[in-house]
Amino acid sequence: MTNPPPPSREALDALWRDPAHWRWWGYVCPEDPRLVVPKCNPSMGWTLNFAHRRRAWALLFGLIALAVGPTYLAVGLGVRRVGAILLLVALSAAAVIGISVWLARPPR
């Protein structure tokens, strides 16, 4: 049994623009295979597609751990140099943003 082809960019955009898929707390569209999508106002960042509930929650907690974990660990291990901590914060933020951008792309 073969998988159906992924939806086109136009089809995904039509799903994303449909107000029926937006709730006050986020985006819910089972037909959209993306886990991360731009917010209603794309300049405000990304949101999760909560129609994929388990994956969305796992990703949310994973991104939170990636965002705060390295810095928390470094401080816990005794790193006190402000420059090193700021570098960890910047690298963690860049990783979270990079993963979000990669996941927000339509499937190929």
PDB file of N, CA and C in Angstrom:
ATOM      1  N   MET A   1       0.851  -1.174   0.000  1.00  0.00           N
ATOM      2  CA  MET A   1       0.000   0.000   0.000  1.00  0.00           C
ATOM      3  C   MET A   1       0.896   1.237   0.000  1.00  0.00           C
ATOM      4  N   THR A   2       0.688   2.106  -0.956  1.00  0.00           N
ATOM      5  CA  THR A   2       1.519   3.304  -1.060  1.00  0.00           C
ATOM      6  C   THR A   2       0.848   4.468  -0.358  1.00  0.00           C
ATOM      7  N   ASN A   3       1.678   5.355   0.133  1.00  0.00           N
ATOM      8  CA  ASN A   3       1.164   6.564   0.777  1.00  0.00           C
ATOM      9  C   ASN A   3       0.699   7.547  -0.280  1.00  0.00           C
ATOM     10  N   PRO A   4      -0.364   8.299   0.001  1.00  0.00           N
ATOM     11  CA  PRO A   4      -0.783   9.327  -0.960  1.00  0.00           C
ATOM     12  C   PRO A   4       0.273  10.424  -1.017  1.00  0.00           C
ATOM     13  N   PRO A   5       0.336  11.123  -2.142  1.00  0.00           N
ATOM     14  CA  PRO A   5       1.326  12.203  -2.229  1.00  0.00           C
ATOM     15  C   PRO A   5       1.001  13.299  -1.218  1.00  0.00           C
ATOM     16  N   PRO A   6       2.027  13.996  -0.733  1.00  0.00           N
ATOM     17  CA  PRO A   6       1.764  15.073   0.230  1.00  0.00           C
ATOM     18  C   PRO A   6       0.970  16.193  -0.428  1.00  0.00           C
ATOM     19  N   PRO A   7       0.191  16.927   0.362  1.00  0.00           N
ATOM     20  CA  PRO A   7      -0.587  18.033  -0.201  1.00  0.00           C
ATOM     21  C   PRO A   7       0.335  19.096  -0.802  1.00  0.00           C
ATOM     22  N   SER A   8      -0.170  19.771  -1.805  1.00  0.00           N
ATOM     23  CA  SER A   8       0.617  20.833  -2.440  1.00  0.00           C
ATOM     24  C   SER A   8       0.726  22.034  -1.508  1.00  0.00           C
ATOM     25  N   ARG A   9       1.648  22.902  -1.825  1.00  0.00           N
ATOM     26  CA  ARG A   9       1.830  24.134  -1.038  1.00  0.00           C
ATOM     27  C   ARG A   9       0.537  24.953  -1.039  1.00  0.00           C
ATOM     28  N   GLU A  10      -0.129  25.005  -2.189  1.00  0.00           N
ATOM     29  CA  GLU A  10      -1.379  25.764  -2.297  1.00  0.00           C
ATOM     30  C   GLU A  10      -2.467  25.160  -1.406  1.00  0.00           C
ATOM     31  N   ALA A  11      -2.554  23.828  -1.382  1.00  0.00           N
ATOM     32  CA  ALA A  11      -3.554  23.169  -0.538  1.00  0.00           C
ATOM     33  C   ALA A  11      -3.274  23.429   0.940  1.00  0.00           C
ATOM     34  N   LEU A  12      -1.997  23.380   1.328  1.00  0.00           N
ATOM     35  CA  LEU A  12      -1.637  23.656   2.721  1.00  0.00           C
ATOM     36  C   LEU A  12      -1.947  25.101   3.086  1.00  0.00           C
ATOM     37  N   ASP A  13      -1.665  26.020   2.169  1.00  0.00           N
ATOM     38  CA  ASP A  13      -1.973  27.431   2.429  1.00  0.00           C
ATOM     39  C   ASP A  13      -3.476  27.653   2.573  1.00  0.00           C
ATOM     40  N   ALA A  14      -4.276  26.947   1.759  1.00  0.00           N
ATOM     41  CA  ALA A  14      -5.734  27.079   1.857  1.00  0.00           C
ATOM     42  C   ALA A  14      -6.230  26.555   3.208  1.00  0.00           C
ATOM     43  N   LEU A  15      -5.686  25.435   3.667  1.00  0.00           N
ATOM     44  CA  LEU A  15      -6.052  24.910   4.985  1.00  0.00           C
ATOM     45  C   LEU A  15      -5.671  25.896   6.081  1.00  0.00           C
ATOM     46  N   TRP A  16      -4.474  26.458   5.975  1.00  0.00           N
ATOM     47  CA  TRP A  16      -3.960  27.383   6.985  1.00  0.00           C
ATOM     48  C   TRP A  16      -4.799  28.664   7.052  1.00  0.00           C
ATOM     49  N   ARG A  17      -5.276  29.149   5.888  1.00  0.00           N
ATOM     50  CA  ARG A  17      -6.062  30.390   5.846  1.00  0.00           C
ATOM     51  C   ARG A  17      -7.506  30.201   6.317  1.00  0.00           C
ATOM     52  N   ASP A  18      -7.983  28.966   6.354  1.00  0.00           N
ATOM     53  CA  ASP A  18      -9.373  28.703   6.729  1.00  0.00           C
ATOM     54  C   ASP A  18      -9.589  29.013   8.218  1.00  0.00           C
ATOM     55  N   PRO A  19     -10.462  29.993   8.537  1.00  0.00           N
ATOM     56  CA  PRO A  19     -10.680  30.357   9.946  1.00  0.00           C
ATOM     57  C   PRO A  19     -11.236  29.215  10.797  1.00  0.00           C
ATOM     58  N   ALA A  20     -11.842  28.212  10.161  1.00  0.00           N
ATOM     59  CA  ALA A  20     -12.394  27.088  10.922  1.00  0.00           C
ATOM     60  C   ALA A  20     -11.299  26.279  11.616  1.00  0.00           C
ATOM     61  N   HIS A  21     -10.067  26.397  11.142  1.00  0.00           N
ATOM     62  CA  HIS A  21      -8.962  25.642  11.741  1.00  0.00           C
ATOM     63  C   HIS A  21      -8.254  26.401  12.850  1.00  0.00           C
ATOM     64  N   TRP A  22      -8.691  27.594  13.138  1.00  0.00           N
ATOM     65  CA  TRP A  22      -8.044  28.404  14.176  1.00  0.00           C
ATOM     66  C   TRP A  22      -8.959  28.515  15.380  1.00  0.00           C
ATOM     67  N   ARG A  23      -8.421  28.242  16.544  1.00  0.00           N
ATOM     68  CA  ARG A  23      -9.124  28.420  17.813  1.00  0.00           C
ATOM     69  C   ARG A  23      -8.459  29.586  18.529  1.00  0.00           C
ATOM     70  N   TRP A  24      -9.018  30.011  19.619  1.00  0.00           N
ATOM     71  CA  TRP A  24      -8.407  31.130  20.346  1.00  0.00           C
ATOM     72  C   TRP A  24      -7.032  30.757  20.860  1.00  0.00           C
ATOM     73  N   TRP A  25      -6.752  29.466  21.044  1.00  0.00           N
ATOM     74  CA  TRP A  25      -5.482  29.026  21.607  1.00  0.00           C
ATOM     75  C   TRP A  25      -4.530  28.444  20.575  1.00  0.00           C
ATOM     76  N   GLY A  26      -4.962  28.268  19.329  1.00  0.00           N
ATOM     77  CA  GLY A  26      -4.018  27.733  18.350  1.00  0.00           C
ATOM     78  C   GLY A  26      -4.672  27.164  17.111  1.00  0.00           C
ATOM     79  N   TYR A  27      -3.886  26.422  16.376  1.00  0.00           N
ATOM     80  CA  TYR A  27      -4.239  25.859  15.080  1.00  0.00           C
ATOM     81  C   TYR A  27      -4.561  24.382  15.253  1.00  0.00           C
ATOM     82  N   VAL A  28      -5.693  23.940  14.681  1.00  0.00           N
ATOM     83  CA  VAL A  28      -6.100  22.539  14.750  1.00  0.00           C
ATOM     84  C   VAL A  28      -6.600  22.133  13.369  1.00  0.00           C
ATOM     85  N   CYS A  29      -5.789  21.363  12.649  1.00  0.00           N
ATOM     86  CA  CYS A  29      -6.183  20.922  11.310  1.00  0.00           C
ATOM     87  C   CYS A  29      -5.597  19.536  11.040  1.00  0.00           C
ATOM     88  N   PRO A  30      -6.397  18.485  11.190  1.00  0.00           N
ATOM     89  CA  PRO A  30      -5.887  17.135  10.972  1.00  0.00           C
ATOM     90  C   PRO A  30      -5.429  16.882   9.529  1.00  0.00           C
ATOM     91  N   GLU A  31      -6.000  17.621   8.568  1.00  0.00           N
ATOM     92  CA  GLU A  31      -5.617  17.422   7.171  1.00  0.00           C
ATOM     93  C   GLU A  31      -4.238  17.996   6.863  1.00  0.00           C
ATOM     94  N   ASP A  32      -3.756  18.897   7.695  1.00  0.00           N
ATOM     95  CA  ASP A  32      -2.447  19.527   7.496  1.00  0.00           C
ATOM     96  C   ASP A  32      -1.397  18.665   8.196  1.00  0.00           C
ATOM     97  N   PRO A  33      -0.482  18.049   7.441  1.00  0.00           N
ATOM     98  CA  PRO A  33       0.496  17.155   8.065  1.00  0.00           C
ATOM     99  C   PRO A  33       1.600  17.882   8.831  1.00  0.00           C
ATOM    100  N   ARG A  34       1.691  19.206   8.661  1.00  0.00           N
ATOM    101  CA  ARG A  34       2.759  19.948   9.343  1.00  0.00           C
ATOM    102  C   ARG A  34       2.489  19.996  10.842  1.00  0.00           C
ATOM    103  N   LEU A  35       3.538  19.871  11.617  1.00  0.00           N
ATOM    104  CA  LEU A  35       3.426  19.956  13.063  1.00  0.00           C
ATOM    105  C   LEU A  35       3.584  21.393  13.534  1.00  0.00           C
ATOM    106  N   VAL A  36       4.376  22.172  12.811  1.00  0.00           N
ATOM    107  CA  VAL A  36       4.606  23.583  13.136  1.00  0.00           C
ATOM    108  C   VAL A  36       4.155  24.409  11.944  1.00  0.00           C
ATOM    109  N   VAL A  37       3.329  25.429  12.209  1.00  0.00           N
ATOM    110  CA  VAL A  37       2.820  26.296  11.143  1.00  0.00           C
ATOM    111  C   VAL A  37       2.993  27.752  11.563  1.00  0.00           C
ATOM    112  N   PRO A  38       3.023  28.674  10.596  1.00  0.00           N
ATOM    113  CA  PRO A  38       3.059  30.096  10.969  1.00  0.00           C
ATOM    114  C   PRO A  38       1.780  30.472  11.713  1.00  0.00           C
ATOM    115  N   LYS A  39       1.888  31.437  12.602  1.00  0.00           N
ATOM    116  CA  LYS A  39       0.702  31.937  13.304  1.00  0.00           C
ATOM    117  C   LYS A  39      -0.201  32.663  12.318  1.00  0.00           C
ATOM    118  N   CYS A  40      -1.409  33.030  12.763  1.00  0.00           N
ATOM    119  CA  CYS A  40      -2.344  33.778  11.902  1.00  0.00           C
ATOM    120  C   CYS A  40      -1.656  34.982  11.290  1.00  0.00           C
ATOM    121  N   ASN A  41      -0.903  35.694  12.100  1.00  0.00           N
ATOM    122  CA  ASN A  41      -0.071  36.793  11.627  1.00  0.00           C
ATOM    123  C   ASN A  41       1.349  36.234  11.548  1.00  0.00           C
ATOM    124  N   PRO A  42       1.817  35.854  10.344  1.00  0.00           N
ATOM    125  CA  PRO A  42       3.100  35.164  10.226  1.00  0.00           C
ATOM    126  C   PRO A  42       4.291  35.923  10.811  1.00  0.00           C
ATOM    127  N   SER A  43       4.182  37.233  10.934  1.00  0.00           N
ATOM    128  CA  SER A  43       5.306  37.978  11.502  1.00  0.00           C
ATOM    129  C   SER A  43       5.423  37.754  13.011  1.00  0.00           C
ATOM    130  N   MET A  44       4.444  37.086  13.612  1.00  0.00           N
ATOM    131  CA  MET A  44       4.457  36.829  15.053  1.00  0.00           C
ATOM    132  C   MET A  44       5.085  35.487  15.413  1.00  0.00           C
ATOM    133  N   GLY A  45       5.546  34.720  14.419  1.00  0.00           N
ATOM    134  CA  GLY A  45       6.219  33.459  14.728  1.00  0.00           C
ATOM    135  C   GLY A  45       5.416  32.251  14.292  1.00  0.00           C
ATOM    136  N   TRP A  46       5.583  31.154  15.028  1.00  0.00           N
ATOM    137  CA  TRP A  46       4.973  29.875  14.681  1.00  0.00           C
ATOM    138  C   TRP A  46       4.109  29.377  15.820  1.00  0.00           C
ATOM    139  N   THR A  47       3.270  28.408  15.485  1.00  0.00           N
ATOM    140  CA  THR A  47       2.467  27.720  16.488  1.00  0.00           C
ATOM    141  C   THR A  47       2.419  26.245  16.116  1.00  0.00           C
ATOM    142  N   LEU A  48       1.969  25.436  17.035  1.00  0.00           N
ATOM    143  CA  LEU A  48       1.857  24.000  16.792  1.00  0.00           C
ATOM    144  C   LEU A  48       0.493  23.671  16.212  1.00  0.00           C
ATOM    145  N   ASN A  49       0.451  22.622  15.405  1.00  0.00           N
ATOM    146  CA  ASN A  49      -0.807  22.084  14.907  1.00  0.00           C
ATOM    147  C   ASN A  49      -1.269  21.054  15.938  1.00  0.00           C
ATOM    148  N   PHE A  50      -2.190  21.447  16.804  1.00  0.00           N
ATOM    149  CA  PHE A  50      -2.614  20.589  17.903  1.00  0.00           C
ATOM    150  C   PHE A  50      -3.549  19.472  17.470  1.00  0.00           C
ATOM    151  N   ALA A  51      -3.822  19.341  16.177  1.00  0.00           N
ATOM    152  CA  ALA A  51      -4.562  18.178  15.698  1.00  0.00           C
ATOM    153  C   ALA A  51      -3.697  16.929  15.843  1.00  0.00           C
ATOM    154  N   HIS A  52      -2.392  17.108  15.829  1.00  0.00           N
ATOM    155  CA  HIS A  52      -1.443  16.008  16.036  1.00  0.00           C
ATOM    156  C   HIS A  52      -0.996  16.080  17.499  1.00  0.00           C
ATOM    157  N   ARG A  53      -1.914  15.789  18.391  1.00  0.00           N
ATOM    158  CA  ARG A  53      -1.793  16.079  19.817  1.00  0.00           C
ATOM    159  C   ARG A  53      -0.539  15.508  20.472  1.00  0.00           C
ATOM    160  N   ARG A  54      -0.279  14.235  20.355  1.00  0.00           N
ATOM    161  CA  ARG A  54       0.887  13.646  21.031  1.00  0.00           C
ATOM    162  C   ARG A  54       2.190  14.222  20.505  1.00  0.00           C
ATOM    163  N   ARG A  55       2.291  14.313  19.205  1.00  0.00           N
ATOM    164  CA  ARG A  55       3.525  14.869  18.627  1.00  0.00           C
ATOM    165  C   ARG A  55       3.683  16.336  18.995  1.00  0.00           C
ATOM    166  N   ALA A  56       2.576  17.085  19.033  1.00  0.00           N
ATOM    167  CA  ALA A  56       2.658  18.512  19.368  1.00  0.00           C
ATOM    168  C   ALA A  56       3.144  18.707  20.801  1.00  0.00           C
ATOM    169  N   TRP A  57       2.581  17.947  21.742  1.00  0.00           N
ATOM    170  CA  TRP A  57       3.013  18.089  23.137  1.00  0.00           C
ATOM    171  C   TRP A  57       4.455  17.626  23.312  1.00  0.00           C
ATOM    172  N   ALA A  58       4.830  16.529  22.655  1.00  0.00           N
ATOM    173  CA  ALA A  58       6.212  16.052  22.747  1.00  0.00           C
ATOM    174  C   ALA A  58       7.174  17.103  22.200  1.00  0.00           C
ATOM    175  N   LEU A  59       6.820  17.705  21.074  1.00  0.00           N
ATOM    176  CA  LEU A  59       7.676  18.745  20.500  1.00  0.00           C
ATOM    177  C   LEU A  59       7.741  19.963  21.417  1.00  0.00           C
ATOM    178  N   LEU A  60       6.607  20.368  21.973  1.00  0.00           N
ATOM    179  CA  LEU A  60       6.593  21.531  22.861  1.00  0.00           C
ATOM    180  C   LEU A  60       7.525  21.318  24.057  1.00  0.00           C
ATOM    181  N   PHE A  61       7.406  20.174  24.718  1.00  0.00           N
ATOM    182  CA  PHE A  61       8.271  19.913  25.870  1.00  0.00           C
ATOM    183  C   PHE A  61       9.725  19.736  25.447  1.00  0.00           C
ATOM    184  N   GLY A  62       9.949  19.144  24.275  1.00  0.00           N
ATOM    185  CA  GLY A  62      11.319  19.016  23.775  1.00  0.00           C
ATOM    186  C   GLY A  62      11.956  20.367  23.491  1.00  0.00           C
ATOM    187  N   LEU A  63      11.191  21.273  22.889  1.00  0.00           N
ATOM    188  CA  LEU A  63      11.727  22.609  22.603  1.00  0.00           C
ATOM    189  C   LEU A  63      11.985  23.397  23.885  1.00  0.00           C
ATOM    190  N   ILE A  64      11.115  23.234  24.865  1.00  0.00           N
ATOM    191  CA  ILE A  64      11.349  23.902  26.154  1.00  0.00           C
ATOM    192  C   ILE A  64      12.623  23.360  26.791  1.00  0.00           C
ATOM    193  N   ALA A  65      12.792  22.040  26.763  1.00  0.00           N
ATOM    194  CA  ALA A  65      14.013  21.445  27.325  1.00  0.00           C
ATOM    195  C   ALA A  65      15.248  21.923  26.577  1.00  0.00           C
ATOM    196  N   LEU A  66      15.150  22.026  25.254  1.00  0.00           N
ATOM    197  CA  LEU A  66      16.278  22.513  24.463  1.00  0.00           C
ATOM    198  C   LEU A  66      16.560  23.980  24.755  1.00  0.00           C
ATOM    199  N   ALA A  67      15.517  24.743  25.018  1.00  0.00           N
ATOM    200  CA  ALA A  67      15.694  26.177  25.264  1.00  0.00           C
ATOM    201  C   ALA A  67      16.338  26.453  26.619  1.00  0.00           C
ATOM    202  N   VAL A  68      15.941  25.726  27.644  1.00  0.00           N
ATOM    203  CA  VAL A  68      16.443  26.044  28.989  1.00  0.00           C
ATOM    204  C   VAL A  68      17.431  25.025  29.536  1.00  0.00           C
ATOM    205  N   GLY A  69      17.405  23.819  29.012  1.00  0.00           N
ATOM    206  CA  GLY A  69      18.242  22.751  29.554  1.00  0.00           C
ATOM    207  C   GLY A  69      19.733  23.031  29.581  1.00  0.00           C
ATOM    208  N   PRO A  70      20.345  23.393  28.450  1.00  0.00           N
ATOM    209  CA  PRO A  70      21.795  23.615  28.466  1.00  0.00           C
ATOM    210  C   PRO A  70      22.228  24.710  29.441  1.00  0.00           C
ATOM    211  N   THR A  71      21.482  25.797  29.493  1.00  0.00           N
ATOM    212  CA  THR A  71      21.836  26.889  30.404  1.00  0.00           C
ATOM    213  C   THR A  71      21.648  26.455  31.853  1.00  0.00           C
ATOM    214  N   TYR A  72      20.552  25.788  32.145  1.00  0.00           N
ATOM    215  CA  TYR A  72      20.297  25.298  33.498  1.00  0.00           C
ATOM    216  C   TYR A  72      21.396  24.330  33.933  1.00  0.00           C
ATOM    217  N   LEU A  73      21.787  23.437  33.035  1.00  0.00           N
ATOM    218  CA  LEU A  73      22.848  22.477  33.329  1.00  0.00           C
ATOM    219  C   LEU A  73      24.179  23.180  33.572  1.00  0.00           C
ATOM    220  N   ALA A  74      24.502  24.148  32.731  1.00  0.00           N
ATOM    221  CA  ALA A  74      25.774  24.869  32.884  1.00  0.00           C
ATOM    222  C   ALA A  74      25.830  25.603  34.214  1.00  0.00           C
ATOM    223  N   VAL A  75      24.753  26.282  34.572  1.00  0.00           N
ATOM    224  CA  VAL A  75      24.725  27.003  35.852  1.00  0.00           C
ATOM    225  C   VAL A  75      24.802  26.006  37.004  1.00  0.00           C
ATOM    226  N   GLY A  76      24.110  24.888  36.874  1.00  0.00           N
ATOM    227  CA  GLY A  76      24.151  23.859  37.911  1.00  0.00           C
ATOM    228  C   GLY A  76      25.531  23.251  38.085  1.00  0.00           C
ATOM    229  N   LEU A  77      26.311  23.207  37.000  1.00  0.00           N
ATOM    230  CA  LEU A  77      27.672  22.664  37.066  1.00  0.00           C
ATOM    231  C   LEU A  77      28.693  23.701  37.496  1.00  0.00           C
ATOM    232  N   GLY A  78      28.239  24.921  37.739  1.00  0.00           N
ATOM    233  CA  GLY A  78      29.138  25.927  38.282  1.00  0.00           C
ATOM    234  C   GLY A  78      29.678  26.943  37.297  1.00  0.00           C
ATOM    235  N   VAL A  79      29.173  26.973  36.074  1.00  0.00           N
ATOM    236  CA  VAL A  79      29.629  27.988  35.119  1.00  0.00           C
ATOM    237  C   VAL A  79      29.095  29.342  35.587  1.00  0.00           C
ATOM    238  N   ARG A  80      29.978  30.298  35.775  1.00  0.00           N
ATOM    239  CA  ARG A  80      29.571  31.608  36.279  1.00  0.00           C
ATOM    240  C   ARG A  80      29.929  32.741  35.323  1.00  0.00           C
ATOM    241  N   ARG A  81      30.577  32.419  34.222  1.00  0.00           N
ATOM    242  CA  ARG A  81      30.945  33.467  33.266  1.00  0.00           C
ATOM    243  C   ARG A  81      29.707  33.877  32.481  1.00  0.00           C
ATOM    244  N   VAL A  82      29.391  35.145  32.558  1.00  0.00           N
ATOM    245  CA  VAL A  82      28.186  35.667  31.905  1.00  0.00           C
ATOM    246  C   VAL A  82      28.251  35.441  30.398  1.00  0.00           C
ATOM    247  N   GLY A  83      29.419  35.635  29.809  1.00  0.00           N
ATOM    248  CA  GLY A  83      29.563  35.446  28.366  1.00  0.00           C
ATOM    249  C   GLY A  83      29.239  34.023  27.940  1.00  0.00           C
ATOM    250  N   ALA A  84      29.693  33.041  28.703  1.00  0.00           N
ATOM    251  CA  ALA A  84      29.418  31.638  28.375  1.00  0.00           C
ATOM    252  C   ALA A  84      27.929  31.333  28.503  1.00  0.00           C
ATOM    253  N   ILE A  85      27.303  31.873  29.526  1.00  0.00           N
ATOM    254  CA  ILE A  85      25.871  31.632  29.720  1.00  0.00           C
ATOM    255  C   ILE A  85      25.060  32.302  28.614  1.00  0.00           C
ATOM    256  N   LEU A  86      25.426  33.528  28.252  1.00  0.00           N
ATOM    257  CA  LEU A  86      24.726  34.212  27.154  1.00  0.00           C
ATOM    258  C   LEU A  86      24.907  33.471  25.838  1.00  0.00           C
ATOM    259  N   LEU A  87      26.090  32.917  25.619  1.00  0.00           N
ATOM    260  CA  LEU A  87      26.328  32.127  24.408  1.00  0.00           C
ATOM    261  C   LEU A  87      25.429  30.893  24.394  1.00  0.00           C
ATOM    262  N   LEU A  88      25.297  30.212  25.520  1.00  0.00           N
ATOM    263  CA  LEU A  88      24.408  29.052  25.597  1.00  0.00           C
ATOM    264  C   LEU A  88      22.956  29.441  25.334  1.00  0.00           C
ATOM    265  N   VAL A  89      22.530  30.562  25.888  1.00  0.00           N
ATOM    266  CA  VAL A  89      21.160  31.036  25.653  1.00  0.00           C
ATOM    267  C   VAL A  89      20.952  31.317  24.166  1.00  0.00           C
ATOM    268  N   ALA A  90      21.914  31.993  23.536  1.00  0.00           N
ATOM    269  CA  ALA A  90      21.803  32.317  22.105  1.00  0.00           C
ATOM    270  C   ALA A  90      21.794  31.053  21.254  1.00  0.00           C
ATOM    271  N   LEU A  91      22.665  30.095  21.561  1.00  0.00           N
ATOM    272  CA  LEU A  91      22.699  28.844  20.790  1.00  0.00           C
ATOM    273  C   LEU A  91      21.416  28.041  20.981  1.00  0.00           C
ATOM    274  N   SER A  92      20.895  28.020  22.194  1.00  0.00           N
ATOM    275  CA  SER A  92      19.639  27.311  22.447  1.00  0.00           C
ATOM    276  C   SER A  92      18.489  27.952  21.674  1.00  0.00           C
ATOM    277  N   ALA A  93      18.424  29.278  21.687  1.00  0.00           N
ATOM    278  CA  ALA A  93      17.372  29.985  20.945  1.00  0.00           C
ATOM    279  C   ALA A  93      17.503  29.728  19.449  1.00  0.00           C
ATOM    280  N   ALA A  94      18.729  29.758  18.937  1.00  0.00           N
ATOM    281  CA  ALA A  94      18.947  29.495  17.509  1.00  0.00           C
ATOM    282  C   ALA A  94      18.519  28.076  17.149  1.00  0.00           C
ATOM    283  N   ALA A  95      18.785  27.115  18.021  1.00  0.00           N
ATOM    284  CA  ALA A  95      18.376  25.735  17.756  1.00  0.00           C
ATOM    285  C   ALA A  95      16.857  25.610  17.729  1.00  0.00           C
ATOM    286  N   VAL A  96      16.176  26.238  18.668  1.00  0.00           N
ATOM    287  CA  VAL A  96      14.709  26.190  18.705  1.00  0.00           C
ATOM    288  C   VAL A  96      14.128  26.836  17.448  1.00  0.00           C
ATOM    289  N   ILE A  97      14.660  27.981  17.056  1.00  0.00           N
ATOM    290  CA  ILE A  97      14.176  28.666  15.850  1.00  0.00           C
ATOM    291  C   ILE A  97      14.453  27.822  14.612  1.00  0.00           C
ATOM    292  N   GLY A  98      15.648  27.272  14.507  1.00  0.00           N
ATOM    293  CA  GLY A  98      15.994  26.442  13.355  1.00  0.00           C
ATOM    294  C   GLY A  98      15.092  25.229  13.225  1.00  0.00           C
ATOM    295  N   ILE A  99      14.836  24.548  14.331  1.00  0.00           N
ATOM    296  CA  ILE A  99      13.948  23.383  14.303  1.00  0.00           C
ATOM    297  C   ILE A  99      12.534  23.804  13.912  1.00  0.00           C
ATOM    298  N   SER A 100      12.058  24.922  14.429  1.00  0.00           N
ATOM    299  CA  SER A 100      10.711  25.403  14.095  1.00  0.00           C
ATOM    300  C   SER A 100      10.589  25.739  12.614  1.00  0.00           C
ATOM    301  N   VAL A 101      11.594  26.409  12.066  1.00  0.00           N
ATOM    302  CA  VAL A 101      11.575  26.743  10.635  1.00  0.00           C
ATOM    303  C   VAL A 101      11.574  25.469   9.805  1.00  0.00           C
ATOM    304  N   TRP A 102      12.413  24.516  10.169  1.00  0.00           N
ATOM    305  CA  TRP A 102      12.506  23.263   9.413  1.00  0.00           C
ATOM    306  C   TRP A 102      11.182  22.500   9.466  1.00  0.00           C
ATOM    307  N   LEU A 103      10.554  22.438  10.634  1.00  0.00           N
ATOM    308  CA  LEU A 103       9.292  21.715  10.764  1.00  0.00           C
ATOM    309  C   LEU A 103       8.120  22.436  10.111  1.00  0.00           C
ATOM    310  N   ALA A 104       8.211  23.756   9.948  1.00  0.00           N
ATOM    311  CA  ALA A 104       7.116  24.524   9.353  1.00  0.00           C
ATOM    312  C   ALA A 104       7.089  24.414   7.833  1.00  0.00           C
ATOM    313  N   ARG A 105       8.159  23.883   7.244  1.00  0.00           N
ATOM    314  CA  ARG A 105       8.164  23.726   5.787  1.00  0.00           C
ATOM    315  C   ARG A 105       7.149  22.674   5.376  1.00  0.00           C
ATOM    316  N   PRO A 106       6.555  22.837   4.213  1.00  0.00           N
ATOM    317  CA  PRO A 106       5.621  21.805   3.757  1.00  0.00           C
ATOM    318  C   PRO A 106       6.375  20.516   3.453  1.00  0.00           C
ATOM    319  N   PRO A 107       5.710  19.366   3.584  1.00  0.00           N
ATOM    320  CA  PRO A 107       6.379  18.099   3.280  1.00  0.00           C
ATOM    321  C   PRO A 107       6.775  18.033   1.816  1.00  0.00           C
ATOM    322  N   ARG A 108       7.838  17.308   1.551  1.00  0.00           N
ATOM    323  CA  ARG A 108       8.317  17.179   0.168  1.00  0.00           C
ATOM    324  C   ARG A 108       8.038  15.810  -0.370  1.00  0.00           C
TER     325      ARG A 108
END
